[in-house]
mmCIF file of all heavy atoms, coordinates in Angstrom:
data_MODEL
# 
_entry.id   MODEL 
# 
loop_
_atom_site.group_PDB 
_atom_site.id 
_atom_site.type_symbol 
_atom_site.label_atom_id 
_atom_site.label_alt_id 
_atom_site.label_comp_id 
_atom_site.label_asym_id 
_atom_site.label_entity_id 
_atom_site.label_seq_id 
_atom_site.pdbx_PDB_ins_code 
_atom_site.Cartn_x 
_atom_site.Cartn_y 
_atom_site.Cartn_z 
_atom_site.occupancy 
_atom_site.B_iso_or_equiv 
_atom_site.pdbx_formal_charge 
_atom_site.auth_seq_id 
_atom_site.auth_comp_id 
_atom_site.auth_asym_id 
_atom_site.auth_atom_id 
_atom_site.pdbx_PDB_model_num 
ATOM 1   N N   . VAL A 1 1  ? 0.743  -1.236 0.058   1.00 0.00 ? 1  VAL A N   1 
ATOM 2   C CA  . VAL A 1 1  ? 0.012  -0.042 0.009   1.00 0.00 ? 1  VAL A CA  1 
ATOM 3   C C   . VAL A 1 1  ? 0.883  1.152  -0.009  1.00 0.00 ? 1  VAL A C   1 
ATOM 4   O O   . VAL A 1 1  ? 0.656  2.260  -0.717  1.00 0.00 ? 1  VAL A O   1 
ATOM 5   C CB  . VAL A 1 1  ? -0.996 0.017  1.287   1.00 0.00 ? 1  VAL A CB  1 
ATOM 6   C CG1 . VAL A 1 1  ? -1.662 1.350  1.400   1.00 0.00 ? 1  VAL A CG1 1 
ATOM 7   C CG2 . VAL A 1 1  ? -2.013 -1.096 1.056   1.00 0.00 ? 1  VAL A CG2 1 
ATOM 8   N N   . ALA A 1 2  ? 1.893  1.259  0.814   1.00 0.00 ? 2  ALA A N   1 
ATOM 9   C CA  . ALA A 1 2  ? 2.854  2.408  0.903   1.00 0.00 ? 2  ALA A CA  1 
ATOM 10  C C   . ALA A 1 2  ? 3.470  2.659  -0.461  1.00 0.00 ? 2  ALA A C   1 
ATOM 11  O O   . ALA A 1 2  ? 3.572  3.750  -0.970  1.00 0.00 ? 2  ALA A O   1 
ATOM 12  C CB  . ALA A 1 2  ? 3.941  2.106  1.920   1.00 0.00 ? 2  ALA A CB  1 
ATOM 13  N N   . CYS A 1 3  ? 3.951  1.585  -1.219  1.00 0.00 ? 3  CYS A N   1 
ATOM 14  C CA  . CYS A 1 3  ? 4.496  1.671  -2.490  1.00 0.00 ? 3  CYS A CA  1 
ATOM 15  C C   . CYS A 1 3  ? 3.455  2.324  -3.483  1.00 0.00 ? 3  CYS A C   1 
ATOM 16  O O   . CYS A 1 3  ? 3.789  3.181  -4.285  1.00 0.00 ? 3  CYS A O   1 
ATOM 17  C CB  . CYS A 1 3  ? 5.065  0.370  -3.047  1.00 0.00 ? 3  CYS A CB  1 
ATOM 18  S SG  . CYS A 1 3  ? 6.396  -0.129 -2.080  1.00 0.00 ? 3  CYS A SG  1 
ATOM 19  N N   . GLY A 1 4  ? 2.274  1.776  -3.318  1.00 0.00 ? 4  GLY A N   1 
ATOM 20  C CA  . GLY A 1 4  ? 1.259  2.217  -4.358  1.00 0.00 ? 4  GLY A CA  1 
ATOM 21  C C   . GLY A 1 4  ? 0.819  3.677  -4.060  1.00 0.00 ? 4  GLY A C   1 
ATOM 22  O O   . GLY A 1 4  ? 0.673  4.513  -4.958  1.00 0.00 ? 4  GLY A O   1 
ATOM 23  N N   . GLY A 1 5  ? 0.839  4.098  -2.783  1.00 0.00 ? 5  GLY A N   1 
ATOM 24  C CA  . GLY A 1 5  ? 0.600  5.494  -2.482  1.00 0.00 ? 5  GLY A CA  1 
ATOM 25  C C   . GLY A 1 5  ? 1.577  6.418  -2.980  1.00 0.00 ? 5  GLY A C   1 
ATOM 26  O O   . GLY A 1 5  ? 1.330  7.505  -3.479  1.00 0.00 ? 5  GLY A O   1 
ATOM 27  N N   . ASN A 1 6  ? 2.887  6.061  -2.823  1.00 0.00 ? 6  ASN A N   1 
ATOM 28  C CA  . ASN A 1 6  ? 3.944  6.959  -3.398  1.00 0.00 ? 6  ASN A CA  1 
ATOM 29  C C   . ASN A 1 6  ? 3.786  7.083  -4.871  1.00 0.00 ? 6  ASN A C   1 
ATOM 30  O O   . ASN A 1 6  ? 4.061  8.190  -5.473  1.00 0.00 ? 6  ASN A O   1 
ATOM 31  C CB  . ASN A 1 6  ? 5.267  6.461  -3.079  1.00 0.00 ? 6  ASN A CB  1 
ATOM 32  C CG  . ASN A 1 6  ? 5.579  6.478  -1.547  1.00 0.00 ? 6  ASN A CG  1 
ATOM 33  O OD1 . ASN A 1 6  ? 4.996  7.299  -0.913  1.00 0.00 ? 6  ASN A OD1 1 
ATOM 34  N ND2 . ASN A 1 6  ? 6.474  5.614  -1.100  1.00 0.00 ? 6  ASN A ND2 1 
ATOM 35  N N   . LYS A 1 7  ? 3.284  6.091  -5.554  1.00 0.00 ? 7  LYS A N   1 
ATOM 36  C CA  . LYS A 1 7  ? 3.169  6.140  -7.077  1.00 0.00 ? 7  LYS A CA  1 
ATOM 37  C C   . LYS A 1 7  ? 2.087  7.101  -7.564  1.00 0.00 ? 7  LYS A C   1 
ATOM 38  O O   . LYS A 1 7  ? 2.281  7.800  -8.531  1.00 0.00 ? 7  LYS A O   1 
ATOM 39  C CB  . LYS A 1 7  ? 2.800  4.702  -7.568  1.00 0.00 ? 7  LYS A CB  1 
ATOM 40  C CG  . LYS A 1 7  ? 2.895  4.704  -9.129  1.00 0.00 ? 7  LYS A CG  1 
ATOM 41  C CD  . LYS A 1 7  ? 2.713  3.312  -9.672  1.00 0.00 ? 7  LYS A CD  1 
ATOM 42  C CE  . LYS A 1 7  ? 2.720  3.369  -11.142 1.00 0.00 ? 7  LYS A CE  1 
ATOM 43  N NZ  . LYS A 1 7  ? 2.430  1.939  -11.670 1.00 0.00 ? 7  LYS A NZ  1 
ATOM 44  N N   . ASN A 1 8  ? 0.961  7.134  -6.723  1.00 0.00 ? 8  ASN A N   1 
ATOM 45  C CA  . ASN A 1 8  ? -0.081 7.985  -7.123  1.00 0.00 ? 8  ASN A CA  1 
ATOM 46  C C   . ASN A 1 8  ? -0.031 9.386  -6.479  1.00 0.00 ? 8  ASN A C   1 
ATOM 47  O O   . ASN A 1 8  ? -0.975 10.151 -6.633  1.00 0.00 ? 8  ASN A O   1 
ATOM 48  C CB  . ASN A 1 8  ? -1.493 7.345  -6.671  1.00 0.00 ? 8  ASN A CB  1 
ATOM 49  C CG  . ASN A 1 8  ? -1.690 6.044  -7.561  1.00 0.00 ? 8  ASN A CG  1 
ATOM 50  O OD1 . ASN A 1 8  ? -1.281 6.006  -8.631  1.00 0.00 ? 8  ASN A OD1 1 
ATOM 51  N ND2 . ASN A 1 8  ? -2.264 5.033  -6.838  1.00 0.00 ? 8  ASN A ND2 1 
ATOM 52  N N   . GLN A 1 9  ? 0.972  9.723  -5.718  1.00 0.00 ? 9  GLN A N   1 
ATOM 53  C CA  . GLN A 1 9  ? 1.067  11.032 -5.081  1.00 0.00 ? 9  GLN A CA  1 
ATOM 54  C C   . GLN A 1 9  ? 1.222  12.172 -6.098  1.00 0.00 ? 9  GLN A C   1 
ATOM 55  O O   . GLN A 1 9  ? 2.029  11.963 -6.995  1.00 0.00 ? 9  GLN A O   1 
ATOM 56  C CB  . GLN A 1 9  ? 2.240  11.052 -4.107  1.00 0.00 ? 9  GLN A CB  1 
ATOM 57  C CG  . GLN A 1 9  ? 2.243  12.229 -3.169  1.00 0.00 ? 9  GLN A CG  1 
ATOM 58  C CD  . GLN A 1 9  ? 3.363  12.119 -2.106  1.00 0.00 ? 9  GLN A CD  1 
ATOM 59  O OE1 . GLN A 1 9  ? 4.129  11.164 -2.177  1.00 0.00 ? 9  GLN A OE1 1 
ATOM 60  N NE2 . GLN A 1 9  ? 3.384  13.112 -1.295  1.00 0.00 ? 9  GLN A NE2 1 
ATOM 61  N N   . MET A 1 10 ? 0.471  13.285 -5.924  1.00 0.00 ? 10 MET A N   1 
ATOM 62  C CA  . MET A 1 10 ? 0.542  14.431 -6.885  1.00 0.00 ? 10 MET A CA  1 
ATOM 63  C C   . MET A 1 10 ? 1.906  15.073 -6.664  1.00 0.00 ? 10 MET A C   1 
ATOM 64  O O   . MET A 1 10 ? 2.409  15.151 -5.607  1.00 0.00 ? 10 MET A O   1 
ATOM 65  C CB  . MET A 1 10 ? -0.564 15.397 -6.487  1.00 0.00 ? 10 MET A CB  1 
ATOM 66  C CG  . MET A 1 10 ? -1.928 14.926 -6.852  1.00 0.00 ? 10 MET A CG  1 
ATOM 67  S SD  . MET A 1 10 ? -2.183 14.686 -8.554  1.00 0.00 ? 10 MET A SD  1 
ATOM 68  C CE  . MET A 1 10 ? -2.140 16.304 -9.204  1.00 0.00 ? 10 MET A CE  1 
ATOM 69  N N   . PRO A 1 11 ? 2.556  15.532 -7.800  1.00 0.00 ? 11 PRO A N   1 
ATOM 70  C CA  . PRO A 1 11 ? 3.797  16.151 -7.742  1.00 0.00 ? 11 PRO A CA  1 
ATOM 71  C C   . PRO A 1 11 ? 3.616  17.544 -7.055  1.00 0.00 ? 11 PRO A C   1 
ATOM 72  O O   . PRO A 1 11 ? 2.547  18.175 -7.041  1.00 0.00 ? 11 PRO A O   1 
ATOM 73  C CB  . PRO A 1 11 ? 4.202  16.404 -9.202  1.00 0.00 ? 11 PRO A CB  1 
ATOM 74  C CG  . PRO A 1 11 ? 2.882  16.365 -9.931  1.00 0.00 ? 11 PRO A CG  1 
ATOM 75  C CD  . PRO A 1 11 ? 2.035  15.437 -9.159  1.00 0.00 ? 11 PRO A CD  1 
ATOM 76  N N   . GLU A 1 12 ? 4.689  18.075 -6.533  1.00 0.00 ? 12 GLU A N   1 
ATOM 77  C CA  . GLU A 1 12 ? 4.667  19.405 -5.889  1.00 0.00 ? 12 GLU A CA  1 
ATOM 78  C C   . GLU A 1 12 ? 4.390  20.424 -6.946  1.00 0.00 ? 12 GLU A C   1 
ATOM 79  O O   . GLU A 1 12 ? 4.824  20.317 -8.007  1.00 0.00 ? 12 GLU A O   1 
ATOM 80  C CB  . GLU A 1 12 ? 5.964  19.583 -5.170  1.00 0.00 ? 12 GLU A CB  1 
ATOM 81  C CG  . GLU A 1 12 ? 6.299  18.623 -3.963  1.00 0.00 ? 12 GLU A CG  1 
ATOM 82  C CD  . GLU A 1 12 ? 7.532  19.009 -3.215  1.00 0.00 ? 12 GLU A CD  1 
ATOM 83  O OE1 . GLU A 1 12 ? 8.225  19.952 -3.819  1.00 0.00 ? 12 GLU A OE1 1 
ATOM 84  O OE2 . GLU A 1 12 ? 7.916  18.335 -2.277  1.00 0.00 ? 12 GLU A OE2 1 
ATOM 85  N N   . ALA A 1 13 ? 3.748  21.555 -6.421  1.00 0.00 ? 13 ALA A N   1 
ATOM 86  C CA  . ALA A 1 13 ? 3.489  22.609 -7.359  1.00 0.00 ? 13 ALA A CA  1 
ATOM 87  C C   . ALA A 1 13 ? 4.800  23.260 -7.854  1.00 0.00 ? 13 ALA A C   1 
ATOM 88  O O   . ALA A 1 13 ? 5.633  23.461 -7.057  1.00 0.00 ? 13 ALA A O   1 
ATOM 89  C CB  . ALA A 1 13 ? 2.598  23.690 -6.682  1.00 0.00 ? 13 ALA A CB  1 
ATOM 90  N N   . SER A 1 14 ? 4.749  23.690 -9.177  1.00 0.00 ? 14 SER A N   1 
ATOM 91  C CA  . SER A 1 14 ? 5.966  24.237 -9.727  1.00 0.00 ? 14 SER A CA  1 
ATOM 92  C C   . SER A 1 14 ? 6.016  25.679 -9.304  1.00 0.00 ? 14 SER A C   1 
ATOM 93  O O   . SER A 1 14 ? 5.091  26.378 -9.205  1.00 0.00 ? 14 SER A O   1 
ATOM 94  C CB  . SER A 1 14 ? 5.869  24.182 -11.243 1.00 0.00 ? 14 SER A CB  1 
ATOM 95  O OG  . SER A 1 14 ? 6.937  24.898 -11.874 1.00 0.00 ? 14 SER A OG  1 
ATOM 96  N N   . ASN A 1 15 ? 7.290  26.109 -9.105  1.00 0.00 ? 15 ASN A N   1 
ATOM 97  C CA  . ASN A 1 15 ? 7.559  27.513 -8.828  1.00 0.00 ? 15 ASN A CA  1 
ATOM 98  C C   . ASN A 1 15 ? 8.055  28.347 -9.997  1.00 0.00 ? 15 ASN A C   1 
ATOM 99  O O   . ASN A 1 15 ? 8.590  29.499 -9.775  1.00 0.00 ? 15 ASN A O   1 
ATOM 100 C CB  . ASN A 1 15 ? 8.623  27.600 -7.582  1.00 0.00 ? 15 ASN A CB  1 
ATOM 101 C CG  . ASN A 1 15 ? 8.629  28.910 -6.982  1.00 0.00 ? 15 ASN A CG  1 
ATOM 102 O OD1 . ASN A 1 15 ? 7.665  29.507 -6.725  1.00 0.00 ? 15 ASN A OD1 1 
ATOM 103 N ND2 . ASN A 1 15 ? 9.780  29.410 -6.605  1.00 0.00 ? 15 ASN A ND2 1 
ATOM 104 N N   . ASP A 1 16 ? 7.835  27.740 -11.168 1.00 0.00 ? 16 ASP A N   1 
ATOM 105 C CA  . ASP A 1 16 ? 8.245  28.382 -12.478 1.00 0.00 ? 16 ASP A CA  1 
ATOM 106 C C   . ASP A 1 16 ? 7.100  29.423 -12.783 1.00 0.00 ? 16 ASP A C   1 
ATOM 107 O O   . ASP A 1 16 ? 5.992  28.884 -12.963 1.00 0.00 ? 16 ASP A O   1 
ATOM 108 C CB  . ASP A 1 16 ? 8.427  27.374 -13.483 1.00 0.00 ? 16 ASP A CB  1 
ATOM 109 C CG  . ASP A 1 16 ? 9.580  26.493 -13.216 1.00 0.00 ? 16 ASP A CG  1 
ATOM 110 O OD1 . ASP A 1 16 ? 10.433 26.900 -12.319 1.00 0.00 ? 16 ASP A OD1 1 
ATOM 111 O OD2 . ASP A 1 16 ? 9.719  25.370 -13.872 1.00 0.00 ? 16 ASP A OD2 1 
ATOM 112 N N   . PHE A 1 17 ? 7.449  30.595 -13.168 1.00 0.00 ? 17 PHE A N   1 
ATOM 113 C CA  . PHE A 1 17 ? 6.582  31.516 -13.700 1.00 0.00 ? 17 PHE A CA  1 
ATOM 114 C C   . PHE A 1 17 ? 7.174  32.292 -14.752 1.00 0.00 ? 17 PHE A C   1 
ATOM 115 O O   . PHE A 1 17 ? 8.269  32.669 -14.735 1.00 0.00 ? 17 PHE A O   1 
ATOM 116 C CB  . PHE A 1 17 ? 6.265  32.642 -12.532 1.00 0.00 ? 17 PHE A CB  1 
ATOM 117 C CG  . PHE A 1 17 ? 5.271  32.080 -11.424 1.00 0.00 ? 17 PHE A CG  1 
ATOM 118 C CD1 . PHE A 1 17 ? 5.786  31.389 -10.384 1.00 0.00 ? 17 PHE A CD1 1 
ATOM 119 C CD2 . PHE A 1 17 ? 3.900  32.167 -11.575 1.00 0.00 ? 17 PHE A CD2 1 
ATOM 120 C CE1 . PHE A 1 17 ? 5.025  30.938 -9.433  1.00 0.00 ? 17 PHE A CE1 1 
ATOM 121 C CE2 . PHE A 1 17 ? 3.049  31.736 -10.573 1.00 0.00 ? 17 PHE A CE2 1 
ATOM 122 C CZ  . PHE A 1 17 ? 3.549  31.093 -9.439  1.00 0.00 ? 17 PHE A CZ  1 
ATOM 123 N N   . PRO A 1 18 ? 6.359  32.392 -15.913 1.00 0.00 ? 18 PRO A N   1 
ATOM 124 C CA  . PRO A 1 18 ? 6.966  33.111 -17.104 1.00 0.00 ? 18 PRO A CA  1 
ATOM 125 C C   . PRO A 1 18 ? 7.145  34.593 -16.760 1.00 0.00 ? 18 PRO A C   1 
ATOM 126 O O   . PRO A 1 18 ? 6.181  35.211 -16.272 1.00 0.00 ? 18 PRO A O   1 
ATOM 127 C CB  . PRO A 1 18 ? 5.907  32.876 -18.160 1.00 0.00 ? 18 PRO A CB  1 
ATOM 128 C CG  . PRO A 1 18 ? 4.640  32.517 -17.471 1.00 0.00 ? 18 PRO A CG  1 
ATOM 129 C CD  . PRO A 1 18 ? 5.076  31.848 -16.174 1.00 0.00 ? 18 PRO A CD  1 
ATOM 130 N N   . VAL A 1 19 ? 8.214  35.131 -17.167 1.00 0.00 ? 19 VAL A N   1 
ATOM 131 C CA  . VAL A 1 19 ? 8.556  36.482 -16.886 1.00 0.00 ? 19 VAL A CA  1 
ATOM 132 C C   . VAL A 1 19 ? 9.041  37.234 -18.251 1.00 0.00 ? 19 VAL A C   1 
ATOM 133 O O   . VAL A 1 19 ? 9.677  36.573 -19.045 1.00 0.00 ? 19 VAL A O   1 
ATOM 134 C CB  . VAL A 1 19 ? 9.606  36.657 -15.845 1.00 0.00 ? 19 VAL A CB  1 
ATOM 135 C CG1 . VAL A 1 19 ? 10.210 38.050 -15.709 1.00 0.00 ? 19 VAL A CG1 1 
ATOM 136 C CG2 . VAL A 1 19 ? 9.274  36.112 -14.508 1.00 0.00 ? 19 VAL A CG2 1 
ATOM 137 N N   . MET A 1 20 ? 8.623  38.454 -18.418 1.00 0.00 ? 20 MET A N   1 
ATOM 138 C CA  . MET A 1 20 ? 9.068  39.131 -19.647 1.00 0.00 ? 20 MET A CA  1 
ATOM 139 C C   . MET A 1 20 ? 9.647  40.456 -19.163 1.00 0.00 ? 20 MET A C   1 
ATOM 140 O O   . MET A 1 20 ? 9.249  41.116 -18.166 1.00 0.00 ? 20 MET A O   1 
ATOM 141 C CB  . MET A 1 20 ? 7.890  39.399 -20.600 1.00 0.00 ? 20 MET A CB  1 
ATOM 142 C CG  . MET A 1 20 ? 6.914  40.371 -20.111 1.00 0.00 ? 20 MET A CG  1 
ATOM 143 S SD  . MET A 1 20 ? 5.603  40.671 -21.318 1.00 0.00 ? 20 MET A SD  1 
ATOM 144 C CE  . MET A 1 20 ? 6.493  41.594 -22.617 1.00 0.00 ? 20 MET A CE  1 
ATOM 145 N N   . THR A 1 21 ? 10.633 40.963 -19.975 1.00 0.00 ? 21 THR A N   1 
ATOM 146 C CA  . THR A 1 21 ? 11.246 42.224 -19.826 1.00 0.00 ? 21 THR A CA  1 
ATOM 147 C C   . THR A 1 21 ? 10.565 43.233 -20.714 1.00 0.00 ? 21 THR A C   1 
ATOM 148 O O   . THR A 1 21 ? 10.508 43.054 -21.954 1.00 0.00 ? 21 THR A O   1 
ATOM 149 C CB  . THR A 1 21 ? 12.779 42.116 -20.094 1.00 0.00 ? 21 THR A CB  1 
ATOM 150 O OG1 . THR A 1 21 ? 13.427 41.193 -19.298 1.00 0.00 ? 21 THR A OG1 1 
ATOM 151 C CG2 . THR A 1 21 ? 13.452 43.592 -19.791 1.00 0.00 ? 21 THR A CG2 1 
ATOM 152 N N   . LEU A 1 22 ? 10.089 44.368 -20.131 1.00 0.00 ? 22 LEU A N   1 
ATOM 153 C CA  . LEU A 1 22 ? 9.393  45.335 -20.909 1.00 0.00 ? 22 LEU A CA  1 
ATOM 154 C C   . LEU A 1 22 ? 10.252 46.213 -21.771 1.00 0.00 ? 22 LEU A C   1 
ATOM 155 O O   . LEU A 1 22 ? 11.476 46.516 -21.417 1.00 0.00 ? 22 LEU A O   1 
ATOM 156 C CB  . LEU A 1 22 ? 8.552  46.306 -19.980 1.00 0.00 ? 22 LEU A CB  1 
ATOM 157 C CG  . LEU A 1 22 ? 7.598  45.535 -18.947 1.00 0.00 ? 22 LEU A CG  1 
ATOM 158 C CD1 . LEU A 1 22 ? 6.864  46.523 -18.123 1.00 0.00 ? 22 LEU A CD1 1 
ATOM 159 C CD2 . LEU A 1 22 ? 6.604  44.827 -19.899 1.00 0.00 ? 22 LEU A CD2 1 
ATOM 160 N N   . GLN A 1 23 ? 9.713  46.482 -22.932 1.00 0.00 ? 23 GLN A N   1 
ATOM 161 C CA  . GLN A 1 23 ? 10.448 47.379 -23.916 1.00 0.00 ? 23 GLN A CA  1 
ATOM 162 C C   . GLN A 1 23 ? 9.517  48.381 -24.500 1.00 0.00 ? 23 GLN A C   1 
ATOM 163 O O   . GLN A 1 23 ? 8.337  48.229 -24.554 1.00 0.00 ? 23 GLN A O   1 
ATOM 164 C CB  . GLN A 1 23 ? 10.999 46.500 -25.118 1.00 0.00 ? 23 GLN A CB  1 
ATOM 165 C CG  . GLN A 1 23 ? 12.024 45.549 -24.568 1.00 0.00 ? 23 GLN A CG  1 
ATOM 166 C CD  . GLN A 1 23 ? 12.605 44.712 -25.764 1.00 0.00 ? 23 GLN A CD  1 
ATOM 167 O OE1 . GLN A 1 23 ? 11.981 44.666 -26.824 1.00 0.00 ? 23 GLN A OE1 1 
ATOM 168 N NE2 . GLN A 1 23 ? 13.656 43.843 -25.584 1.00 0.00 ? 23 GLN A NE2 1 
ATOM 169 N N   . GLN A 1 24 ? 10.036 49.532 -24.918 1.00 0.00 ? 24 GLN A N   1 
ATOM 170 C CA  . GLN A 1 24 ? 9.240  50.502 -25.617 1.00 0.00 ? 24 GLN A CA  1 
ATOM 171 C C   . GLN A 1 24 ? 8.915  50.106 -26.997 1.00 0.00 ? 24 GLN A C   1 
ATOM 172 O O   . GLN A 1 24 ? 9.730  49.445 -27.749 1.00 0.00 ? 24 GLN A O   1 
ATOM 173 C CB  . GLN A 1 24 ? 10.094 51.904 -25.691 1.00 0.00 ? 24 GLN A CB  1 
ATOM 174 C CG  . GLN A 1 24 ? 10.049 52.636 -24.357 1.00 0.00 ? 24 GLN A CG  1 
ATOM 175 C CD  . GLN A 1 24 ? 10.508 54.051 -24.544 1.00 0.00 ? 24 GLN A CD  1 
ATOM 176 O OE1 . GLN A 1 24 ? 11.258 54.367 -25.557 1.00 0.00 ? 24 GLN A OE1 1 
ATOM 177 N NE2 . GLN A 1 24 ? 10.168 54.971 -23.621 1.00 0.00 ? 24 GLN A NE2 1 
ATOM 178 N N   . SER A 1 25 ? 7.647  50.397 -27.418 1.00 0.00 ? 25 SER A N   1 
ATOM 179 C CA  . SER A 1 25 ? 7.125  49.999 -28.702 1.00 0.00 ? 25 SER A CA  1 
ATOM 180 C C   . SER A 1 25 ? 6.119  50.965 -29.207 1.00 0.00 ? 25 SER A C   1 
ATOM 181 O O   . SER A 1 25 ? 5.781  51.988 -28.399 1.00 0.00 ? 25 SER A O   1 
ATOM 182 C CB  . SER A 1 25 ? 6.720  48.625 -28.658 1.00 0.00 ? 25 SER A CB  1 
ATOM 183 O OG  . SER A 1 25 ? 5.554  48.487 -27.872 1.00 0.00 ? 25 SER A OG  1 
ATOM 184 N N   . GLU A 1 26 ? 5.478  50.755 -30.233 1.00 0.00 ? 26 GLU A N   1 
ATOM 185 C CA  . GLU A 1 26 ? 4.367  51.552 -30.737 1.00 0.00 ? 26 GLU A CA  1 
ATOM 186 C C   . GLU A 1 26 ? 3.335  50.660 -31.241 1.00 0.00 ? 26 GLU A C   1 
ATOM 187 O O   . GLU A 1 26 ? 3.580  49.485 -31.682 1.00 0.00 ? 26 GLU A O   1 
ATOM 188 C CB  . GLU A 1 26 ? 4.809  52.594 -31.843 1.00 0.00 ? 26 GLU A CB  1 
ATOM 189 C CG  . GLU A 1 26 ? 5.358  51.973 -33.076 1.00 0.00 ? 26 GLU A CG  1 
ATOM 190 C CD  . GLU A 1 26 ? 5.694  53.108 -34.046 1.00 0.00 ? 26 GLU A CD  1 
ATOM 191 O OE1 . GLU A 1 26 ? 6.757  53.756 -33.821 1.00 0.00 ? 26 GLU A OE1 1 
ATOM 192 O OE2 . GLU A 1 26 ? 5.008  53.219 -35.119 1.00 0.00 ? 26 GLU A OE2 1 
ATOM 193 N N   . THR A 1 27 ? 2.147  51.201 -31.188 1.00 0.00 ? 27 THR A N   1 
ATOM 194 C CA  . THR A 1 27 ? 0.940  50.264 -31.537 1.00 0.00 ? 27 THR A CA  1 
ATOM 195 C C   . THR A 1 27 ? -0.244 51.214 -31.939 1.00 0.00 ? 27 THR A C   1 
ATOM 196 O O   . THR A 1 27 ? -0.403 52.331 -31.646 1.00 0.00 ? 27 THR A O   1 
ATOM 197 C CB  . THR A 1 27 ? 0.459  49.334 -30.417 1.00 0.00 ? 27 THR A CB  1 
ATOM 198 O OG1 . THR A 1 27 ? -0.526 48.506 -30.850 1.00 0.00 ? 27 THR A OG1 1 
ATOM 199 C CG2 . THR A 1 27 ? 0.004  50.232 -29.148 1.00 0.00 ? 27 THR A CG2 1 
# 
């Protein structure tokens, strides 16, 4: 049971966040 529980455990939430560097433009 312990082995099966480890297999189905949800992965930890990712701390990756997309980031962009702002630039001047026209639109």
